N, C-alpha and C. Protein backbone atom coordinates (compact mmCIF):
# COMPACT_ATOMS: atom_id res chain seq x y z
N MET A 1 -0.04 -18.19 -8.03
CA MET A 1 0.31 -16.83 -8.38
C MET A 1 0.60 -16.04 -7.10
N SER A 2 1.78 -15.56 -6.98
CA SER A 2 2.21 -14.81 -5.81
C SER A 2 2.05 -13.32 -6.05
N LYS A 3 0.81 -12.86 -5.94
CA LYS A 3 0.55 -11.44 -6.17
C LYS A 3 -0.72 -11.02 -5.48
N LEU A 4 -0.88 -9.71 -5.36
CA LEU A 4 -2.09 -9.12 -4.80
C LEU A 4 -3.01 -8.71 -5.94
N VAL A 5 -4.31 -9.00 -5.77
CA VAL A 5 -5.29 -8.61 -6.79
C VAL A 5 -6.32 -7.63 -6.25
N HIS A 6 -6.29 -7.42 -4.93
CA HIS A 6 -7.21 -6.47 -4.31
C HIS A 6 -6.56 -5.92 -3.05
N ILE A 7 -6.73 -4.63 -2.82
CA ILE A 7 -6.18 -4.01 -1.62
C ILE A 7 -7.27 -3.14 -1.01
N ASP A 8 -7.48 -3.35 0.26
CA ASP A 8 -8.48 -2.60 1.01
C ASP A 8 -7.79 -1.99 2.21
N ILE A 9 -8.04 -0.72 2.47
CA ILE A 9 -7.41 -0.04 3.59
C ILE A 9 -8.50 0.38 4.57
N ASP A 10 -8.34 -0.04 5.81
CA ASP A 10 -9.28 0.35 6.85
C ASP A 10 -8.83 1.69 7.42
N ASP A 11 -9.46 2.75 6.95
CA ASP A 11 -9.10 4.07 7.43
C ASP A 11 -10.19 4.64 8.33
N SER A 12 -11.05 3.76 8.83
CA SER A 12 -12.09 4.23 9.75
C SER A 12 -11.44 4.78 11.01
N GLY A 13 -11.97 5.86 11.47
CA GLY A 13 -11.41 6.49 12.66
C GLY A 13 -10.23 7.41 12.38
N LEU A 14 -9.82 7.50 11.14
CA LEU A 14 -8.71 8.39 10.78
C LEU A 14 -9.27 9.69 10.22
N PRO A 15 -8.54 10.78 10.36
CA PRO A 15 -9.00 12.04 9.76
C PRO A 15 -9.08 11.92 8.24
N THR A 16 -9.89 12.77 7.65
CA THR A 16 -9.98 12.80 6.19
C THR A 16 -8.61 13.16 5.63
N PRO A 17 -8.12 12.37 4.68
CA PRO A 17 -6.78 12.66 4.14
C PRO A 17 -6.76 13.95 3.32
N THR A 18 -5.58 14.56 3.28
CA THR A 18 -5.40 15.73 2.42
C THR A 18 -5.48 15.27 0.97
N PRO A 19 -5.71 16.18 0.03
CA PRO A 19 -5.73 15.78 -1.38
C PRO A 19 -4.42 15.11 -1.82
N GLU A 20 -3.28 15.59 -1.30
CA GLU A 20 -1.99 15.00 -1.68
C GLU A 20 -1.88 13.55 -1.17
N ILE A 21 -2.31 13.34 0.08
CA ILE A 21 -2.27 12.00 0.67
C ILE A 21 -3.20 11.06 -0.09
N GLU A 22 -4.40 11.54 -0.40
CA GLU A 22 -5.36 10.72 -1.13
C GLU A 22 -4.82 10.35 -2.51
N GLN A 23 -4.15 11.29 -3.17
CA GLN A 23 -3.55 11.01 -4.48
C GLN A 23 -2.44 9.97 -4.36
N GLU A 24 -1.57 10.11 -3.35
CA GLU A 24 -0.49 9.13 -3.12
C GLU A 24 -1.09 7.74 -2.92
N ARG A 25 -2.14 7.67 -2.13
CA ARG A 25 -2.81 6.40 -1.85
C ARG A 25 -3.36 5.76 -3.12
N LYS A 26 -4.08 6.56 -3.92
CA LYS A 26 -4.66 6.04 -5.16
C LYS A 26 -3.58 5.53 -6.11
N VAL A 27 -2.51 6.31 -6.25
CA VAL A 27 -1.42 5.92 -7.14
C VAL A 27 -0.76 4.63 -6.64
N ALA A 28 -0.51 4.56 -5.33
CA ALA A 28 0.14 3.36 -4.76
C ALA A 28 -0.72 2.13 -4.99
N ILE A 29 -2.03 2.23 -4.77
CA ILE A 29 -2.92 1.08 -4.97
C ILE A 29 -2.96 0.71 -6.45
N PHE A 30 -3.10 1.69 -7.32
CA PHE A 30 -3.12 1.42 -8.76
C PHE A 30 -1.84 0.71 -9.19
N ASP A 31 -0.69 1.28 -8.79
CA ASP A 31 0.59 0.70 -9.17
C ASP A 31 0.77 -0.70 -8.59
N LEU A 32 0.34 -0.89 -7.35
CA LEU A 32 0.44 -2.22 -6.73
C LEU A 32 -0.36 -3.25 -7.51
N LEU A 33 -1.58 -2.90 -7.87
CA LEU A 33 -2.43 -3.86 -8.57
C LEU A 33 -1.92 -4.13 -9.99
N GLU A 34 -1.24 -3.16 -10.57
CA GLU A 34 -0.67 -3.35 -11.91
C GLU A 34 0.52 -4.31 -11.89
N ASP A 35 1.36 -4.18 -10.85
CA ASP A 35 2.58 -4.98 -10.80
C ASP A 35 3.03 -5.13 -9.36
N ASN A 36 3.01 -6.36 -8.87
CA ASN A 36 3.47 -6.61 -7.51
C ASN A 36 3.91 -8.06 -7.36
N SER A 37 4.61 -8.29 -6.29
CA SER A 37 5.05 -9.64 -5.94
C SER A 37 4.79 -9.81 -4.45
N PHE A 38 3.88 -10.71 -4.10
CA PHE A 38 3.49 -10.91 -2.72
C PHE A 38 3.23 -12.40 -2.50
N ALA A 39 4.02 -13.00 -1.65
CA ALA A 39 3.86 -14.43 -1.36
C ALA A 39 3.91 -14.64 0.15
N VAL A 40 3.17 -15.61 0.61
CA VAL A 40 3.19 -16.00 2.02
C VAL A 40 3.97 -17.32 2.08
N PRO A 41 5.19 -17.30 2.67
CA PRO A 41 6.10 -18.45 2.59
C PRO A 41 5.83 -19.54 3.63
N ARG A 42 4.58 -19.95 3.76
CA ARG A 42 4.24 -21.04 4.68
C ARG A 42 3.48 -22.09 3.90
N GLU A 43 3.72 -23.33 4.23
CA GLU A 43 3.08 -24.43 3.51
C GLU A 43 1.60 -24.55 3.79
N ASP A 44 1.15 -24.09 4.96
CA ASP A 44 -0.25 -24.24 5.34
C ASP A 44 -1.15 -23.10 4.82
N VAL A 45 -0.61 -22.25 3.95
CA VAL A 45 -1.35 -21.11 3.42
C VAL A 45 -1.81 -21.42 2.00
N PRO A 46 -3.10 -21.16 1.70
CA PRO A 46 -3.57 -21.38 0.32
C PRO A 46 -2.78 -20.51 -0.66
N GLU A 47 -2.68 -20.98 -1.87
CA GLU A 47 -1.96 -20.22 -2.90
C GLU A 47 -2.75 -18.98 -3.31
N GLY A 48 -2.02 -17.97 -3.77
CA GLY A 48 -2.65 -16.74 -4.25
C GLY A 48 -3.22 -16.93 -5.63
N PRO A 49 -3.70 -15.87 -6.20
CA PRO A 49 -3.52 -14.48 -5.82
C PRO A 49 -4.27 -14.13 -4.54
N TYR A 50 -3.88 -12.99 -3.94
CA TYR A 50 -4.39 -12.62 -2.63
C TYR A 50 -5.10 -11.27 -2.63
N ARG A 51 -5.95 -11.16 -1.62
CA ARG A 51 -6.60 -9.90 -1.26
C ARG A 51 -5.93 -9.44 0.03
N LEU A 52 -5.60 -8.16 0.11
CA LEU A 52 -4.94 -7.64 1.31
C LEU A 52 -5.80 -6.57 1.94
N HIS A 53 -6.02 -6.74 3.24
CA HIS A 53 -6.71 -5.73 4.03
C HIS A 53 -5.68 -5.17 5.01
N LEU A 54 -5.38 -3.89 4.88
CA LEU A 54 -4.42 -3.22 5.77
C LEU A 54 -5.18 -2.38 6.78
N ALA A 55 -4.74 -2.47 8.03
CA ALA A 55 -5.38 -1.69 9.09
C ALA A 55 -4.39 -1.43 10.21
N ILE A 56 -4.74 -0.51 11.07
CA ILE A 56 -4.01 -0.33 12.32
C ILE A 56 -4.99 -0.66 13.43
N ARG A 57 -4.59 -1.62 14.26
CA ARG A 57 -5.40 -2.04 15.40
C ARG A 57 -4.49 -2.11 16.61
N GLU A 58 -4.92 -1.49 17.67
CA GLU A 58 -4.16 -1.52 18.92
C GLU A 58 -2.69 -1.17 18.70
N ARG A 59 -2.49 -0.11 17.93
CA ARG A 59 -1.14 0.41 17.63
C ARG A 59 -0.24 -0.59 16.92
N ARG A 60 -0.85 -1.46 16.14
CA ARG A 60 -0.09 -2.43 15.35
C ARG A 60 -0.62 -2.39 13.92
N LEU A 61 0.30 -2.57 12.98
CA LEU A 61 -0.06 -2.64 11.57
C LEU A 61 -0.51 -4.06 11.27
N VAL A 62 -1.72 -4.20 10.76
CA VAL A 62 -2.30 -5.52 10.52
C VAL A 62 -2.37 -5.79 9.02
N PHE A 63 -1.78 -6.91 8.62
CA PHE A 63 -1.89 -7.43 7.26
C PHE A 63 -2.85 -8.61 7.34
N ASP A 64 -4.04 -8.47 6.80
CA ASP A 64 -5.02 -9.54 6.78
C ASP A 64 -5.08 -10.03 5.33
N VAL A 65 -4.62 -11.24 5.11
CA VAL A 65 -4.47 -11.77 3.76
C VAL A 65 -5.50 -12.86 3.51
N ALA A 66 -6.19 -12.77 2.38
CA ALA A 66 -7.17 -13.78 1.99
C ALA A 66 -6.92 -14.15 0.53
N THR A 67 -7.47 -15.28 0.14
CA THR A 67 -7.37 -15.68 -1.27
C THR A 67 -8.31 -14.81 -2.10
N GLU A 68 -8.22 -14.95 -3.38
CA GLU A 68 -9.11 -14.20 -4.27
C GLU A 68 -10.57 -14.54 -3.98
N ALA A 69 -10.82 -15.79 -3.55
CA ALA A 69 -12.18 -16.24 -3.21
C ALA A 69 -12.55 -15.87 -1.77
N GLU A 70 -11.72 -15.03 -1.13
CA GLU A 70 -11.93 -14.52 0.22
C GLU A 70 -11.81 -15.58 1.31
N GLU A 71 -11.03 -16.62 1.05
CA GLU A 71 -10.69 -17.61 2.07
C GLU A 71 -9.50 -17.08 2.87
N LYS A 72 -9.62 -17.09 4.19
CA LYS A 72 -8.55 -16.58 5.06
C LYS A 72 -7.25 -17.30 4.73
N ALA A 73 -6.18 -16.53 4.52
CA ALA A 73 -4.88 -17.12 4.19
C ALA A 73 -3.87 -16.89 5.32
N ALA A 74 -3.82 -15.67 5.84
CA ALA A 74 -2.86 -15.36 6.91
C ALA A 74 -3.23 -14.01 7.50
N GLU A 75 -2.76 -13.80 8.70
CA GLU A 75 -2.87 -12.49 9.32
C GLU A 75 -1.63 -12.30 10.16
N PHE A 76 -1.00 -11.16 9.99
CA PHE A 76 0.15 -10.86 10.83
C PHE A 76 0.12 -9.40 11.23
N HIS A 77 0.67 -9.16 12.42
CA HIS A 77 0.68 -7.84 13.04
C HIS A 77 2.12 -7.38 13.20
N LEU A 78 2.39 -6.15 12.82
CA LEU A 78 3.73 -5.59 12.94
C LEU A 78 3.68 -4.37 13.85
N SER A 79 4.66 -4.26 14.70
CA SER A 79 4.79 -3.08 15.54
C SER A 79 5.03 -1.86 14.67
N LEU A 80 4.41 -0.76 15.02
CA LEU A 80 4.62 0.48 14.27
C LEU A 80 5.91 1.19 14.67
N GLY A 81 6.47 0.81 15.81
CA GLY A 81 7.68 1.46 16.31
C GLY A 81 8.80 1.59 15.29
N PRO A 82 9.18 0.50 14.61
CA PRO A 82 10.29 0.60 13.65
C PRO A 82 10.00 1.52 12.46
N PHE A 83 8.73 1.85 12.23
CA PHE A 83 8.36 2.71 11.11
C PHE A 83 8.25 4.18 11.51
N LYS A 84 8.14 4.43 12.79
CA LYS A 84 7.79 5.77 13.28
C LYS A 84 8.70 6.87 12.72
N GLN A 85 10.01 6.74 12.86
CA GLN A 85 10.93 7.79 12.43
C GLN A 85 10.97 7.93 10.91
N VAL A 86 11.01 6.82 10.19
CA VAL A 86 11.09 6.91 8.73
C VAL A 86 9.79 7.48 8.15
N VAL A 87 8.65 7.16 8.75
CA VAL A 87 7.38 7.73 8.28
C VAL A 87 7.37 9.24 8.55
N LYS A 88 7.81 9.63 9.73
CA LYS A 88 7.88 11.05 10.08
C LYS A 88 8.79 11.80 9.10
N ASP A 89 9.98 11.23 8.85
CA ASP A 89 10.91 11.84 7.90
C ASP A 89 10.30 11.93 6.50
N TYR A 90 9.61 10.87 6.10
CA TYR A 90 9.01 10.84 4.78
C TYR A 90 7.95 11.93 4.63
N PHE A 91 7.10 12.08 5.65
CA PHE A 91 6.08 13.12 5.57
C PHE A 91 6.69 14.52 5.55
N GLN A 92 7.75 14.72 6.30
CA GLN A 92 8.41 16.04 6.31
C GLN A 92 9.00 16.35 4.94
N ILE A 93 9.65 15.38 4.33
CA ILE A 93 10.25 15.63 3.02
C ILE A 93 9.18 15.77 1.94
N CYS A 94 8.07 15.03 2.08
CA CYS A 94 6.97 15.18 1.12
C CYS A 94 6.38 16.58 1.20
N GLU A 95 6.23 17.08 2.42
CA GLU A 95 5.71 18.44 2.60
C GLU A 95 6.63 19.45 1.92
N SER A 96 7.93 19.27 2.11
CA SER A 96 8.91 20.15 1.45
C SER A 96 8.81 20.04 -0.06
N TYR A 97 8.63 18.82 -0.55
CA TYR A 97 8.52 18.58 -1.98
C TYR A 97 7.29 19.28 -2.56
N PHE A 98 6.13 19.09 -1.90
CA PHE A 98 4.90 19.71 -2.40
C PHE A 98 5.00 21.23 -2.39
N ASP A 99 5.65 21.79 -1.37
CA ASP A 99 5.87 23.24 -1.32
C ASP A 99 6.84 23.68 -2.42
N ALA A 100 7.88 22.90 -2.63
CA ALA A 100 8.90 23.24 -3.63
C ALA A 100 8.33 23.26 -5.04
N VAL A 101 7.46 22.32 -5.34
CA VAL A 101 6.87 22.22 -6.67
C VAL A 101 6.13 23.52 -7.03
N LYS A 102 5.60 24.18 -6.01
CA LYS A 102 4.84 25.40 -6.24
C LYS A 102 5.71 26.63 -6.50
N LYS A 103 6.97 26.62 -5.98
CA LYS A 103 7.70 27.88 -6.06
C LYS A 103 9.20 27.80 -6.34
N LEU A 104 9.78 26.63 -6.38
CA LEU A 104 11.23 26.54 -6.57
C LEU A 104 11.60 26.10 -7.98
N PRO A 105 12.83 26.40 -8.41
CA PRO A 105 13.27 25.98 -9.75
C PRO A 105 13.46 24.46 -9.81
N PRO A 106 13.41 23.91 -11.01
CA PRO A 106 13.51 22.46 -11.19
C PRO A 106 14.72 21.81 -10.51
N SER A 107 15.86 22.48 -10.49
CA SER A 107 17.05 21.87 -9.89
C SER A 107 16.86 21.64 -8.39
N GLN A 108 16.22 22.56 -7.71
CA GLN A 108 15.97 22.39 -6.28
C GLN A 108 14.88 21.34 -6.03
N ILE A 109 13.88 21.32 -6.88
CA ILE A 109 12.82 20.30 -6.77
C ILE A 109 13.43 18.92 -6.93
N GLU A 110 14.34 18.79 -7.90
CA GLU A 110 14.98 17.50 -8.15
C GLU A 110 15.80 17.03 -6.95
N ALA A 111 16.49 17.94 -6.30
CA ALA A 111 17.29 17.58 -5.12
C ALA A 111 16.39 17.10 -3.98
N ILE A 112 15.28 17.78 -3.77
CA ILE A 112 14.34 17.36 -2.72
C ILE A 112 13.71 16.02 -3.09
N ASP A 113 13.40 15.84 -4.36
CA ASP A 113 12.80 14.58 -4.80
C ASP A 113 13.76 13.41 -4.62
N MET A 114 15.05 13.63 -4.85
CA MET A 114 16.03 12.57 -4.63
C MET A 114 16.08 12.18 -3.16
N ALA A 115 16.04 13.17 -2.28
CA ALA A 115 16.02 12.88 -0.84
C ALA A 115 14.73 12.14 -0.46
N ARG A 116 13.62 12.54 -1.05
CA ARG A 116 12.33 11.89 -0.80
C ARG A 116 12.39 10.41 -1.21
N ARG A 117 12.96 10.16 -2.37
CA ARG A 117 13.07 8.76 -2.83
C ARG A 117 13.99 7.95 -1.93
N GLY A 118 15.05 8.58 -1.43
CA GLY A 118 15.95 7.87 -0.53
C GLY A 118 15.26 7.46 0.76
N ILE A 119 14.48 8.36 1.34
CA ILE A 119 13.74 8.04 2.57
C ILE A 119 12.68 6.98 2.27
N HIS A 120 12.04 7.09 1.13
CA HIS A 120 11.03 6.11 0.73
C HIS A 120 11.65 4.72 0.60
N ASN A 121 12.84 4.65 0.01
CA ASN A 121 13.55 3.37 -0.11
C ASN A 121 13.89 2.80 1.26
N GLU A 122 14.26 3.66 2.19
CA GLU A 122 14.56 3.22 3.55
C GLU A 122 13.31 2.63 4.20
N GLY A 123 12.17 3.26 4.01
CA GLY A 123 10.92 2.72 4.54
C GLY A 123 10.58 1.37 3.94
N ALA A 124 10.82 1.21 2.65
CA ALA A 124 10.57 -0.07 1.99
C ALA A 124 11.49 -1.15 2.54
N ARG A 125 12.75 -0.78 2.80
CA ARG A 125 13.70 -1.74 3.35
C ARG A 125 13.27 -2.18 4.75
N VAL A 126 12.83 -1.23 5.57
CA VAL A 126 12.35 -1.56 6.92
C VAL A 126 11.15 -2.51 6.81
N LEU A 127 10.24 -2.22 5.89
CA LEU A 127 9.08 -3.08 5.71
C LEU A 127 9.49 -4.49 5.31
N GLN A 128 10.41 -4.61 4.36
CA GLN A 128 10.87 -5.94 3.95
C GLN A 128 11.46 -6.70 5.14
N GLU A 129 12.24 -6.02 5.96
CA GLU A 129 12.80 -6.66 7.15
C GLU A 129 11.71 -7.12 8.10
N ARG A 130 10.71 -6.28 8.34
CA ARG A 130 9.64 -6.59 9.28
C ARG A 130 8.75 -7.72 8.76
N LEU A 131 8.67 -7.86 7.45
CA LEU A 131 7.84 -8.92 6.86
C LEU A 131 8.58 -10.25 6.73
N GLU A 132 9.87 -10.25 7.01
CA GLU A 132 10.66 -11.47 6.85
C GLU A 132 10.02 -12.65 7.59
N GLY A 133 9.82 -13.74 6.86
CA GLY A 133 9.21 -14.94 7.41
C GLY A 133 7.69 -14.92 7.39
N LYS A 134 7.12 -13.75 7.10
CA LYS A 134 5.67 -13.61 7.07
C LYS A 134 5.15 -13.46 5.64
N ALA A 135 5.83 -12.59 4.89
CA ALA A 135 5.47 -12.35 3.49
C ALA A 135 6.72 -11.98 2.73
N GLU A 136 6.78 -12.39 1.49
CA GLU A 136 7.90 -12.06 0.62
C GLU A 136 7.40 -11.05 -0.41
N VAL A 137 8.08 -9.89 -0.43
CA VAL A 137 7.72 -8.83 -1.38
C VAL A 137 8.99 -8.31 -2.04
N ASP A 138 8.87 -7.93 -3.29
CA ASP A 138 10.02 -7.31 -3.95
C ASP A 138 10.10 -5.84 -3.54
N ILE A 139 11.14 -5.15 -3.95
CA ILE A 139 11.36 -3.78 -3.50
C ILE A 139 10.28 -2.83 -4.00
N ASP A 140 9.82 -3.01 -5.23
CA ASP A 140 8.76 -2.12 -5.75
C ASP A 140 7.46 -2.31 -4.97
N THR A 141 7.13 -3.55 -4.65
CA THR A 141 5.93 -3.82 -3.86
C THR A 141 6.10 -3.23 -2.46
N ALA A 142 7.27 -3.39 -1.88
CA ALA A 142 7.53 -2.84 -0.54
C ALA A 142 7.40 -1.32 -0.56
N ARG A 143 7.88 -0.68 -1.62
CA ARG A 143 7.79 0.79 -1.72
C ARG A 143 6.33 1.23 -1.73
N ARG A 144 5.52 0.57 -2.52
CA ARG A 144 4.11 0.96 -2.63
C ARG A 144 3.35 0.65 -1.35
N LEU A 145 3.67 -0.48 -0.73
CA LEU A 145 3.04 -0.79 0.56
C LEU A 145 3.47 0.22 1.63
N PHE A 146 4.72 0.66 1.58
CA PHE A 146 5.18 1.67 2.53
C PHE A 146 4.36 2.95 2.38
N THR A 147 4.04 3.34 1.16
CA THR A 147 3.20 4.52 0.94
C THR A 147 1.86 4.34 1.65
N LEU A 148 1.27 3.16 1.53
CA LEU A 148 -0.02 2.90 2.19
C LEU A 148 0.12 2.90 3.71
N ILE A 149 1.24 2.41 4.21
CA ILE A 149 1.49 2.44 5.65
C ILE A 149 1.57 3.89 6.13
N CYS A 150 2.20 4.73 5.35
CA CYS A 150 2.29 6.16 5.71
C CYS A 150 0.90 6.76 5.82
N VAL A 151 0.04 6.44 4.87
CA VAL A 151 -1.33 6.95 4.90
C VAL A 151 -2.04 6.51 6.18
N LEU A 152 -1.87 5.24 6.53
CA LEU A 152 -2.49 4.72 7.75
C LEU A 152 -1.83 5.26 9.01
N HIS A 153 -0.53 5.33 9.00
CA HIS A 153 0.23 5.69 10.19
C HIS A 153 -0.09 7.10 10.67
N PHE A 154 -0.17 8.02 9.72
CA PHE A 154 -0.43 9.40 10.10
C PHE A 154 -1.87 9.79 9.89
N GLY A 155 -2.62 8.92 9.22
CA GLY A 155 -4.04 9.15 9.07
C GLY A 155 -4.43 10.37 8.26
N GLY A 156 -3.49 10.85 7.46
CA GLY A 156 -3.82 11.99 6.62
C GLY A 156 -3.43 13.27 7.29
């Protein structure tokens, strides 16, 4: 089974997330566990389902993958550099979106939301590229993982 059944985020040392960030995180984890596609394309790796521990260590994004029985399956580290601009853009548009929801008409909220989704898709695409050869994820899984990366990257 090529899927994730547990996700743990190491947010130690990060500021307490805002309520909006915490909600995004909860929704992303819930949605990921409901429906995802995650495979490690190496022959020497035990088959899933998998547990994923996400962390930032030494300015690198760490994917620590274990089997459901907590047997080490893989660990890979990704540079945060390729994510920096898209994460920054995503947080700026999210801030605009959260402000818009409070005071703008639906047509303007919809326009901001479309831009937000476009940036989010770009982040998912970058993640899929960075995971190439390490893990195979579909676009929906990449989108939800990108949300979690944003939470870790900016720390709330």
